Amino acid sequence: MTRQAPALKTLIKAAIAHKGFAFVEALSDCTEIYGRKNDLGESPEMLLAQKSAMPPAKPGAAGGEPFQPHHLREGILVERERPEYGEVYRARAAQAAAGEKRR
């Protein structure tokens, strides 16, 4: 969500640092077009609506308002260590080149 840009930044950094495949999906309503065309108000009103509809990532991280439950899973959903594609490709290319030299 738009209001969670710092958390998204952290997830993107984690995805880049992860050895192997990483996929980051970021969902956000367009506050300018979607909000206006659906009479949801301007950017500040939509952000407040998003805030009231999403619970904080950690209990007590954002306070004051009751949060409604939602069905969206957040954060790292799957994490598996795998070799990076380029690393495997270069190793196999080196093996193939060494095999060619032996012939």
N, C-alpha and C. Protein backbone atom coordinates (compact mmCIF):
# COMPACT_ATOMS: atom_id res chain seq x y z
N MET A 1 0.84 -1.18 0.00
CA MET A 1 0.00 0.00 0.00
C MET A 1 0.89 1.24 0.00
N THR A 2 0.33 2.31 -0.48
CA THR A 2 1.08 3.55 -0.63
C THR A 2 1.67 4.03 0.69
N ARG A 3 0.94 3.86 1.78
CA ARG A 3 1.41 4.36 3.06
C ARG A 3 2.54 3.53 3.63
N GLN A 4 2.86 2.41 3.03
CA GLN A 4 3.87 1.52 3.57
C GLN A 4 5.16 1.54 2.74
N ALA A 5 5.50 2.69 2.19
CA ALA A 5 6.71 2.81 1.36
C ALA A 5 7.98 2.41 2.10
N PRO A 6 8.17 2.78 3.38
CA PRO A 6 9.40 2.33 4.07
C PRO A 6 9.50 0.81 4.16
N ALA A 7 8.38 0.14 4.44
CA ALA A 7 8.40 -1.33 4.51
C ALA A 7 8.68 -1.92 3.14
N LEU A 8 8.14 -1.32 2.09
CA LEU A 8 8.39 -1.80 0.74
C LEU A 8 9.86 -1.64 0.38
N LYS A 9 10.46 -0.54 0.77
CA LYS A 9 11.88 -0.30 0.51
C LYS A 9 12.72 -1.39 1.17
N THR A 10 12.37 -1.76 2.40
CA THR A 10 13.08 -2.81 3.12
C THR A 10 12.92 -4.16 2.41
N LEU A 11 11.70 -4.46 1.93
CA LEU A 11 11.47 -5.73 1.22
C LEU A 11 12.23 -5.79 -0.10
N ILE A 12 12.30 -4.68 -0.81
CA ILE A 12 13.05 -4.65 -2.08
C ILE A 12 14.54 -4.87 -1.81
N LYS A 13 15.07 -4.24 -0.77
CA LYS A 13 16.48 -4.46 -0.42
C LYS A 13 16.73 -5.92 -0.07
N ALA A 14 15.81 -6.53 0.67
CA ALA A 14 15.95 -7.94 1.04
C ALA A 14 15.88 -8.84 -0.20
N ALA A 15 15.03 -8.50 -1.15
CA ALA A 15 14.91 -9.29 -2.38
C ALA A 15 16.19 -9.20 -3.20
N ILE A 16 16.79 -8.03 -3.27
CA ILE A 16 18.03 -7.86 -4.02
C ILE A 16 19.17 -8.61 -3.35
N ALA A 17 19.20 -8.59 -2.02
CA ALA A 17 20.27 -9.26 -1.28
C ALA A 17 20.10 -10.78 -1.24
N HIS A 18 18.88 -11.26 -1.50
CA HIS A 18 18.60 -12.70 -1.42
C HIS A 18 19.34 -13.45 -2.54
N LYS A 19 20.03 -14.51 -2.16
CA LYS A 19 20.73 -15.31 -3.16
C LYS A 19 19.71 -16.25 -3.80
N GLY A 20 19.47 -16.07 -5.07
CA GLY A 20 18.47 -16.86 -5.77
C GLY A 20 17.39 -15.94 -6.32
N PHE A 21 16.27 -16.53 -6.68
CA PHE A 21 15.16 -15.79 -7.28
C PHE A 21 14.36 -15.08 -6.20
N ALA A 22 14.00 -13.84 -6.46
CA ALA A 22 13.14 -13.08 -5.55
C ALA A 22 12.10 -12.34 -6.37
N PHE A 23 10.88 -12.36 -5.91
CA PHE A 23 9.77 -11.68 -6.59
C PHE A 23 9.10 -10.78 -5.58
N VAL A 24 8.98 -9.51 -5.90
CA VAL A 24 8.32 -8.55 -5.02
C VAL A 24 7.08 -8.04 -5.72
N GLU A 25 5.95 -8.17 -5.06
CA GLU A 25 4.69 -7.65 -5.61
C GLU A 25 4.23 -6.51 -4.71
N ALA A 26 4.04 -5.35 -5.31
CA ALA A 26 3.58 -4.18 -4.56
C ALA A 26 2.22 -3.77 -5.11
N LEU A 27 1.25 -3.71 -4.25
CA LEU A 27 -0.11 -3.33 -4.64
C LEU A 27 -0.42 -1.96 -4.07
N SER A 28 -1.00 -1.12 -4.90
CA SER A 28 -1.38 0.20 -4.43
C SER A 28 -2.46 0.77 -5.33
N ASP A 29 -3.41 1.43 -4.71
CA ASP A 29 -4.43 2.13 -5.49
C ASP A 29 -3.83 3.42 -6.03
N CYS A 30 -4.18 3.77 -7.23
CA CYS A 30 -3.74 5.05 -7.78
C CYS A 30 -4.61 6.13 -7.15
N THR A 31 -4.01 6.92 -6.29
CA THR A 31 -4.80 7.92 -5.57
C THR A 31 -5.30 9.03 -6.48
N GLU A 32 -4.61 9.29 -7.56
CA GLU A 32 -5.02 10.38 -8.44
C GLU A 32 -6.17 9.99 -9.36
N ILE A 33 -6.04 8.88 -10.07
CA ILE A 33 -7.05 8.48 -11.04
C ILE A 33 -8.14 7.63 -10.38
N TYR A 34 -7.75 6.52 -9.75
CA TYR A 34 -8.71 5.60 -9.14
C TYR A 34 -9.56 6.31 -8.09
N GLY A 35 -8.92 7.08 -7.23
CA GLY A 35 -9.65 7.76 -6.16
C GLY A 35 -10.65 8.77 -6.69
N ARG A 36 -10.25 9.56 -7.64
CA ARG A 36 -11.15 10.60 -8.17
C ARG A 36 -12.30 9.98 -8.96
N LYS A 37 -12.01 8.98 -9.80
CA LYS A 37 -13.06 8.39 -10.64
C LYS A 37 -14.08 7.60 -9.82
N ASN A 38 -13.70 7.17 -8.61
CA ASN A 38 -14.60 6.39 -7.77
C ASN A 38 -15.08 7.18 -6.56
N ASP A 39 -14.95 8.48 -6.63
CA ASP A 39 -15.39 9.37 -5.56
C ASP A 39 -14.84 8.96 -4.19
N LEU A 40 -13.56 8.59 -4.17
CA LEU A 40 -12.92 8.21 -2.92
C LEU A 40 -12.11 9.35 -2.33
N GLY A 41 -12.16 10.48 -2.97
CA GLY A 41 -11.46 11.64 -2.44
C GLY A 41 -10.08 11.83 -3.05
N GLU A 42 -9.37 12.78 -2.51
CA GLU A 42 -8.02 13.09 -2.95
C GLU A 42 -7.03 12.16 -2.26
N SER A 43 -5.75 12.33 -2.56
CA SER A 43 -4.70 11.47 -2.00
C SER A 43 -4.74 11.37 -0.48
N PRO A 44 -4.84 12.47 0.26
CA PRO A 44 -4.85 12.34 1.73
C PRO A 44 -6.00 11.48 2.26
N GLU A 45 -7.20 11.64 1.66
CA GLU A 45 -8.35 10.85 2.11
C GLU A 45 -8.15 9.37 1.81
N MET A 46 -7.60 9.06 0.64
CA MET A 46 -7.37 7.65 0.29
C MET A 46 -6.32 7.04 1.21
N LEU A 47 -5.27 7.78 1.52
CA LEU A 47 -4.24 7.26 2.41
C LEU A 47 -4.80 6.98 3.80
N LEU A 48 -5.67 7.86 4.29
CA LEU A 48 -6.28 7.63 5.59
C LEU A 48 -7.19 6.40 5.55
N ALA A 49 -7.91 6.21 4.43
CA ALA A 49 -8.77 5.04 4.29
C ALA A 49 -7.92 3.76 4.25
N GLN A 50 -6.79 3.81 3.54
CA GLN A 50 -5.89 2.65 3.50
C GLN A 50 -5.36 2.35 4.90
N LYS A 51 -4.99 3.38 5.62
CA LYS A 51 -4.44 3.20 6.96
C LYS A 51 -5.45 2.54 7.88
N SER A 52 -6.70 2.94 7.79
CA SER A 52 -7.71 2.37 8.68
C SER A 52 -8.09 0.95 8.27
N ALA A 53 -7.81 0.56 7.02
CA ALA A 53 -8.18 -0.78 6.54
C ALA A 53 -7.07 -1.80 6.71
N MET A 54 -5.84 -1.36 6.97
CA MET A 54 -4.70 -2.28 7.07
C MET A 54 -4.13 -2.25 8.48
N PRO A 55 -3.93 -3.42 9.08
CA PRO A 55 -3.32 -3.44 10.40
C PRO A 55 -1.82 -3.13 10.30
N PRO A 56 -1.20 -2.68 11.37
CA PRO A 56 0.24 -2.43 11.33
C PRO A 56 1.00 -3.74 11.18
N ALA A 57 2.21 -3.66 10.63
CA ALA A 57 3.04 -4.85 10.45
C ALA A 57 3.38 -5.49 11.78
N LYS A 58 3.60 -4.69 12.80
CA LYS A 58 3.90 -5.18 14.14
C LYS A 58 2.89 -4.56 15.09
N PRO A 59 2.37 -5.33 16.03
CA PRO A 59 1.44 -4.74 16.98
C PRO A 59 2.07 -3.54 17.68
N GLY A 60 1.34 -2.46 17.71
CA GLY A 60 1.83 -1.25 18.36
C GLY A 60 2.69 -0.37 17.47
N ALA A 61 2.92 -0.77 16.19
CA ALA A 61 3.77 0.03 15.30
C ALA A 61 3.08 1.33 14.91
N ALA A 62 1.80 1.29 14.69
CA ALA A 62 1.03 2.50 14.40
C ALA A 62 -0.13 2.48 15.38
N GLY A 63 -0.47 3.60 15.92
CA GLY A 63 -1.44 3.50 17.00
C GLY A 63 -2.63 4.40 16.86
N GLY A 64 -3.49 4.25 17.83
CA GLY A 64 -4.62 5.15 17.94
C GLY A 64 -5.90 4.66 17.32
N GLU A 65 -5.85 4.09 16.15
CA GLU A 65 -7.07 3.74 15.44
C GLU A 65 -7.30 2.23 15.46
N PRO A 66 -8.55 1.81 15.52
CA PRO A 66 -8.80 0.37 15.37
C PRO A 66 -8.61 -0.03 13.91
N PHE A 67 -8.03 -1.17 13.69
CA PHE A 67 -7.78 -1.63 12.34
C PHE A 67 -8.72 -2.76 11.98
N GLN A 68 -9.15 -2.77 10.74
CA GLN A 68 -10.02 -3.84 10.26
C GLN A 68 -9.15 -4.98 9.74
N PRO A 69 -9.58 -6.23 9.94
CA PRO A 69 -8.79 -7.35 9.40
C PRO A 69 -8.86 -7.36 7.87
N HIS A 70 -7.86 -7.92 7.25
CA HIS A 70 -7.84 -8.03 5.80
C HIS A 70 -7.30 -9.40 5.43
N HIS A 71 -7.42 -9.77 4.16
CA HIS A 71 -7.01 -11.09 3.70
C HIS A 71 -5.66 -11.10 2.98
N LEU A 72 -5.01 -9.97 2.88
CA LEU A 72 -3.75 -9.91 2.15
C LEU A 72 -2.59 -10.34 3.05
N ARG A 73 -1.79 -11.27 2.55
CA ARG A 73 -0.58 -11.66 3.28
C ARG A 73 0.51 -10.68 2.92
N GLU A 74 1.31 -10.31 3.88
CA GLU A 74 2.36 -9.31 3.66
C GLU A 74 3.71 -9.87 4.04
N GLY A 75 4.76 -9.24 3.54
CA GLY A 75 6.11 -9.61 3.92
C GLY A 75 6.67 -10.72 3.05
N ILE A 76 7.66 -11.41 3.54
CA ILE A 76 8.30 -12.49 2.79
C ILE A 76 7.43 -13.73 2.93
N LEU A 77 6.90 -14.21 1.81
CA LEU A 77 5.99 -15.35 1.83
C LEU A 77 6.73 -16.67 1.66
N VAL A 78 7.77 -16.70 0.82
CA VAL A 78 8.58 -17.90 0.59
C VAL A 78 10.02 -17.45 0.46
N GLU A 79 10.93 -18.22 1.04
CA GLU A 79 12.35 -17.89 0.89
C GLU A 79 13.13 -19.19 0.78
N ARG A 80 13.74 -19.40 -0.37
CA ARG A 80 14.55 -20.59 -0.61
C ARG A 80 15.90 -20.15 -1.14
N GLU A 81 16.96 -20.72 -0.60
CA GLU A 81 18.30 -20.41 -1.08
C GLU A 81 18.58 -21.23 -2.33
N ARG A 82 18.98 -20.56 -3.37
CA ARG A 82 19.33 -21.22 -4.62
C ARG A 82 20.49 -20.44 -5.25
N PRO A 83 21.31 -21.12 -6.05
CA PRO A 83 22.39 -20.39 -6.72
C PRO A 83 21.82 -19.41 -7.75
N GLU A 84 22.50 -18.33 -7.93
CA GLU A 84 22.09 -17.31 -8.90
C GLU A 84 22.31 -17.84 -10.31
N TYR A 85 21.41 -17.52 -11.23
CA TYR A 85 21.45 -18.05 -12.59
C TYR A 85 22.79 -17.80 -13.27
N GLY A 86 23.28 -16.58 -13.23
CA GLY A 86 24.54 -16.24 -13.89
C GLY A 86 25.71 -17.02 -13.33
N GLU A 87 25.70 -17.25 -12.03
CA GLU A 87 26.75 -18.02 -11.37
C GLU A 87 26.78 -19.46 -11.89
N VAL A 88 25.60 -20.08 -11.98
CA VAL A 88 25.51 -21.46 -12.49
C VAL A 88 25.90 -21.52 -13.97
N TYR A 89 25.44 -20.54 -14.74
CA TYR A 89 25.74 -20.50 -16.17
C TYR A 89 27.24 -20.41 -16.41
N ARG A 90 27.91 -19.50 -15.69
CA ARG A 90 29.35 -19.34 -15.86
C ARG A 90 30.11 -20.60 -15.46
N ALA A 91 29.68 -21.26 -14.39
CA ALA A 91 30.33 -22.49 -13.95
C ALA A 91 30.17 -23.59 -15.00
N ARG A 92 28.99 -23.72 -15.56
CA ARG A 92 28.76 -24.75 -16.58
C ARG A 92 29.47 -24.43 -17.89
N ALA A 93 29.55 -23.15 -18.22
CA ALA A 93 30.27 -22.75 -19.42
C ALA A 93 31.76 -23.05 -19.25
N ALA A 94 32.29 -22.82 -18.05
CA ALA A 94 33.69 -23.13 -17.78
C ALA A 94 33.94 -24.63 -17.86
N GLN A 95 33.00 -25.43 -17.34
CA GLN A 95 33.12 -26.88 -17.42
C GLN A 95 33.10 -27.34 -18.88
N ALA A 96 32.21 -26.77 -19.68
CA ALA A 96 32.11 -27.13 -21.09
C ALA A 96 33.38 -26.74 -21.83
N ALA A 97 33.92 -25.56 -21.51
CA ALA A 97 35.15 -25.11 -22.15
C ALA A 97 36.31 -26.01 -21.77
N ALA A 98 36.38 -26.44 -20.51
CA ALA A 98 37.44 -27.34 -20.06
C ALA A 98 37.32 -28.69 -20.76
N GLY A 99 36.10 -29.16 -20.97
CA GLY A 99 35.86 -30.42 -21.69
C GLY A 99 36.27 -30.33 -23.14
N GLU A 100 36.07 -29.19 -23.75
CA GLU A 100 36.47 -28.98 -25.16
C GLU A 100 37.98 -28.97 -25.28
N LYS A 101 38.66 -28.39 -24.30
CA LYS A 101 40.12 -28.31 -24.35
C LYS A 101 40.77 -29.69 -24.21
N ARG A 102 40.08 -30.59 -23.47
CA ARG A 102 40.63 -31.93 -23.26
C ARG A 102 40.56 -32.80 -24.50
N ARG A 103 39.68 -32.47 -25.40
CA ARG A 103 39.51 -33.30 -26.62
C ARG A 103 40.63 -33.15 -27.57
